[in-house]
């Protein structure tokens, strides 16, 4: 992407969390968004409960055609 279309990341741990934003001159983060990464374990009953709890503003489910997503979605819906 051209530089003016890219989103700055201040944290890049794709196994746990990606932090979008910038750093100021004092090296403090100005966070725009946090994307927490959760593997729902291919939709297994135990794994689908991982979406419960927390207070997300938005949930993104990737590759929903590869596992039964309804359990994970229902567990995360109250949050």
N, C-alpha and C. Protein backbone atom coordinates (compact mmCIF):
# COMPACT_ATOMS: atom_id res chain seq x y z
N UNK A 1 0.83 -1.20 0.00
CA UNK A 1 0.00 0.00 0.00
C UNK A 1 0.87 1.25 0.00
N UNK A 2 0.36 2.32 -0.57
CA UNK A 2 1.08 3.59 -0.46
C UNK A 2 1.14 4.02 1.01
N UNK A 3 2.17 4.72 1.40
CA UNK A 3 2.34 5.11 2.82
C UNK A 3 1.15 5.87 3.39
N UNK A 4 0.46 6.66 2.59
CA UNK A 4 -0.66 7.43 3.12
C UNK A 4 -1.90 6.58 3.36
N UNK A 5 -1.91 5.33 2.91
CA UNK A 5 -3.05 4.43 3.18
C UNK A 5 -2.75 3.40 4.26
N UNK A 6 -1.53 3.32 4.72
CA UNK A 6 -1.19 2.32 5.73
C UNK A 6 -1.57 2.83 7.12
N UNK A 7 -1.86 1.90 7.99
CA UNK A 7 -2.19 2.23 9.39
C UNK A 7 -0.97 1.89 10.23
N UNK A 8 -0.52 2.84 11.03
CA UNK A 8 0.65 2.62 11.87
C UNK A 8 0.32 1.61 12.96
N UNK A 9 1.29 0.74 13.24
CA UNK A 9 1.14 -0.24 14.32
C UNK A 9 2.22 0.03 15.35
N UNK A 10 1.84 0.05 16.63
CA UNK A 10 2.83 0.21 17.68
C UNK A 10 3.07 -1.10 18.41
N UNK A 11 2.33 -2.12 18.07
CA UNK A 11 2.53 -3.46 18.62
C UNK A 11 2.17 -4.47 17.56
N UNK A 12 2.98 -5.51 17.40
CA UNK A 12 2.80 -6.43 16.29
C UNK A 12 2.81 -7.89 16.72
N UNK A 13 2.34 -8.23 17.89
CA UNK A 13 2.32 -9.62 18.34
C UNK A 13 1.05 -10.28 17.83
N UNK A 14 1.10 -10.87 16.64
CA UNK A 14 -0.09 -11.43 16.00
C UNK A 14 -0.62 -12.66 16.71
N UNK A 15 0.10 -13.21 17.67
CA UNK A 15 -0.42 -14.34 18.44
C UNK A 15 -1.28 -13.88 19.60
N UNK A 16 -1.20 -12.61 19.97
CA UNK A 16 -1.91 -12.10 21.14
C UNK A 16 -2.72 -10.85 20.84
N UNK A 17 -2.06 -9.79 20.37
CA UNK A 17 -2.74 -8.52 20.18
C UNK A 17 -1.94 -7.63 19.21
N UNK A 18 -2.66 -6.91 18.36
CA UNK A 18 -2.06 -5.93 17.47
C UNK A 18 -2.58 -4.57 17.89
N UNK A 19 -1.69 -3.61 18.10
CA UNK A 19 -2.07 -2.27 18.54
C UNK A 19 -1.87 -1.32 17.37
N UNK A 20 -2.95 -0.64 16.98
CA UNK A 20 -2.89 0.33 15.90
C UNK A 20 -2.78 1.73 16.49
N UNK A 21 -1.90 2.54 15.97
CA UNK A 21 -1.74 3.90 16.46
C UNK A 21 -0.36 4.43 16.16
N UNK A 22 0.04 5.45 16.88
CA UNK A 22 1.35 6.07 16.68
C UNK A 22 2.02 6.27 18.03
N UNK A 23 3.25 6.69 17.99
CA UNK A 23 3.99 7.06 19.20
C UNK A 23 4.36 8.54 19.11
N UNK A 24 4.28 9.25 20.23
CA UNK A 24 4.66 10.66 20.23
C UNK A 24 6.16 10.80 20.49
N UNK A 25 6.64 12.02 20.61
CA UNK A 25 8.08 12.23 20.76
C UNK A 25 8.60 11.72 22.10
N UNK A 26 7.73 11.51 23.09
CA UNK A 26 8.13 10.95 24.38
C UNK A 26 8.01 9.42 24.39
N UNK A 27 7.78 8.81 23.22
CA UNK A 27 7.65 7.37 23.04
C UNK A 27 6.42 6.79 23.76
N UNK A 28 5.40 7.61 23.94
CA UNK A 28 4.14 7.14 24.52
C UNK A 28 3.19 6.82 23.38
N UNK A 29 2.42 5.76 23.56
CA UNK A 29 1.49 5.33 22.52
C UNK A 29 0.24 6.21 22.46
N UNK A 30 -0.16 6.53 21.25
CA UNK A 30 -1.46 7.14 20.99
C UNK A 30 -2.25 6.06 20.26
N UNK A 31 -3.04 5.29 21.03
CA UNK A 31 -3.68 4.09 20.51
C UNK A 31 -4.98 4.45 19.80
N UNK A 32 -5.10 3.96 18.58
CA UNK A 32 -6.33 4.13 17.80
C UNK A 32 -7.25 2.93 18.00
N UNK A 33 -6.69 1.73 18.02
CA UNK A 33 -7.49 0.52 18.18
C UNK A 33 -6.60 -0.63 18.62
N UNK A 34 -7.20 -1.60 19.28
CA UNK A 34 -6.52 -2.83 19.67
C UNK A 34 -7.27 -4.00 19.06
N UNK A 35 -6.54 -4.88 18.41
CA UNK A 35 -7.14 -6.07 17.84
C UNK A 35 -6.60 -7.26 18.62
N UNK A 36 -7.45 -7.88 19.42
CA UNK A 36 -7.03 -9.04 20.19
C UNK A 36 -7.29 -10.29 19.37
N UNK A 37 -6.30 -11.15 19.33
CA UNK A 37 -6.35 -12.35 18.51
C UNK A 37 -6.75 -13.53 19.39
N UNK A 38 -7.81 -14.24 19.03
CA UNK A 38 -8.25 -15.42 19.77
C UNK A 38 -8.54 -16.55 18.79
N UNK A 39 -7.90 -17.67 19.01
CA UNK A 39 -8.16 -18.85 18.19
C UNK A 39 -9.27 -19.64 18.87
N UNK A 40 -10.39 -19.79 18.19
CA UNK A 40 -11.53 -20.48 18.80
C UNK A 40 -11.43 -22.00 18.62
N UNK A 41 -10.24 -22.50 18.31
CA UNK A 41 -9.97 -23.94 18.30
C UNK A 41 -10.90 -24.69 17.37
N UNK A 42 -11.02 -24.22 16.16
CA UNK A 42 -11.82 -24.87 15.14
C UNK A 42 -13.27 -25.10 15.55
N UNK A 43 -13.81 -24.25 16.41
CA UNK A 43 -15.22 -24.34 16.76
C UNK A 43 -15.55 -25.42 17.76
N UNK A 44 -14.57 -26.03 18.40
CA UNK A 44 -14.86 -27.04 19.41
C UNK A 44 -15.58 -26.39 20.57
N UNK A 45 -16.37 -27.13 21.30
CA UNK A 45 -17.19 -26.57 22.38
C UNK A 45 -16.36 -25.77 23.37
N UNK A 46 -15.25 -26.31 23.79
CA UNK A 46 -14.38 -25.61 24.74
C UNK A 46 -13.83 -24.33 24.12
N UNK A 47 -13.42 -24.39 22.87
CA UNK A 47 -12.83 -23.24 22.19
C UNK A 47 -13.82 -22.14 21.90
N UNK A 48 -15.09 -22.50 21.67
CA UNK A 48 -16.08 -21.49 21.32
C UNK A 48 -16.39 -20.57 22.49
N UNK A 49 -16.07 -21.00 23.72
CA UNK A 49 -16.33 -20.15 24.88
C UNK A 49 -15.28 -19.07 25.05
N UNK A 50 -14.21 -19.10 24.27
CA UNK A 50 -13.16 -18.09 24.38
C UNK A 50 -13.65 -16.70 24.03
N UNK A 51 -14.73 -16.58 23.29
CA UNK A 51 -15.23 -15.25 22.93
C UNK A 51 -16.06 -14.64 24.05
N UNK A 52 -16.44 -15.43 25.06
CA UNK A 52 -17.21 -14.90 26.18
C UNK A 52 -16.30 -14.03 27.05
N UNK A 53 -16.90 -13.06 27.73
CA UNK A 53 -16.12 -12.15 28.56
C UNK A 53 -15.53 -11.04 27.72
N UNK A 54 -14.87 -10.13 28.38
CA UNK A 54 -14.29 -9.01 27.65
C UNK A 54 -15.37 -8.03 27.21
N UNK A 55 -14.95 -6.91 26.69
CA UNK A 55 -15.89 -5.90 26.23
C UNK A 55 -15.43 -5.34 24.89
N UNK A 56 -15.56 -6.13 23.83
CA UNK A 56 -15.11 -5.63 22.53
C UNK A 56 -16.10 -4.63 21.94
N UNK A 57 -15.58 -3.69 21.18
CA UNK A 57 -16.43 -2.79 20.41
C UNK A 57 -16.88 -3.47 19.12
N UNK A 58 -15.99 -4.29 18.58
CA UNK A 58 -16.25 -4.98 17.33
C UNK A 58 -15.62 -6.37 17.41
N UNK A 59 -16.27 -7.34 16.84
CA UNK A 59 -15.71 -8.68 16.75
C UNK A 59 -15.55 -9.04 15.28
N UNK A 60 -14.42 -9.63 14.96
CA UNK A 60 -14.13 -10.06 13.60
C UNK A 60 -13.90 -11.56 13.63
N UNK A 61 -14.69 -12.28 12.88
CA UNK A 61 -14.52 -13.73 12.77
C UNK A 61 -13.99 -14.04 11.38
N UNK A 62 -12.77 -14.56 11.32
CA UNK A 62 -12.13 -14.86 10.05
C UNK A 62 -12.32 -16.34 9.73
N UNK A 63 -12.45 -16.64 8.46
CA UNK A 63 -12.57 -18.00 7.96
C UNK A 63 -13.73 -18.76 8.60
N UNK A 64 -14.89 -18.12 8.64
CA UNK A 64 -16.06 -18.72 9.29
C UNK A 64 -16.59 -19.92 8.53
N UNK A 65 -16.20 -20.10 7.30
CA UNK A 65 -16.65 -21.27 6.55
C UNK A 65 -15.90 -22.53 6.91
N UNK A 66 -14.87 -22.41 7.74
CA UNK A 66 -14.05 -23.57 8.08
C UNK A 66 -14.40 -24.20 9.43
N UNK A 67 -15.30 -23.58 10.20
CA UNK A 67 -15.68 -24.16 11.49
C UNK A 67 -17.09 -23.68 11.84
N UNK A 68 -17.78 -24.38 12.75
CA UNK A 68 -19.12 -23.95 13.15
C UNK A 68 -19.04 -22.69 14.02
N UNK A 69 -19.25 -21.54 13.44
CA UNK A 69 -19.03 -20.25 14.10
C UNK A 69 -20.16 -19.87 15.06
N UNK A 70 -21.30 -20.49 14.95
CA UNK A 70 -22.45 -20.09 15.76
C UNK A 70 -22.18 -20.17 17.26
N UNK A 71 -21.50 -21.21 17.71
CA UNK A 71 -21.19 -21.33 19.15
C UNK A 71 -20.33 -20.19 19.64
N UNK A 72 -19.29 -19.86 18.89
CA UNK A 72 -18.42 -18.75 19.27
C UNK A 72 -19.15 -17.43 19.24
N UNK A 73 -20.00 -17.23 18.24
CA UNK A 73 -20.74 -15.98 18.12
C UNK A 73 -21.75 -15.83 19.28
N UNK A 74 -22.45 -16.90 19.61
CA UNK A 74 -23.43 -16.83 20.71
C UNK A 74 -22.75 -16.60 22.05
N UNK A 75 -21.57 -17.17 22.26
CA UNK A 75 -20.85 -16.97 23.52
C UNK A 75 -20.37 -15.53 23.65
N UNK A 76 -19.99 -14.90 22.54
CA UNK A 76 -19.47 -13.54 22.58
C UNK A 76 -20.54 -12.47 22.48
N UNK A 77 -21.75 -12.83 22.10
CA UNK A 77 -22.81 -11.85 21.88
C UNK A 77 -23.13 -11.01 23.13
N UNK A 78 -23.24 -11.57 24.33
CA UNK A 78 -23.52 -10.73 25.50
C UNK A 78 -22.44 -9.69 25.79
N UNK A 79 -21.19 -9.99 25.41
CA UNK A 79 -20.10 -9.06 25.65
C UNK A 79 -20.25 -7.85 24.77
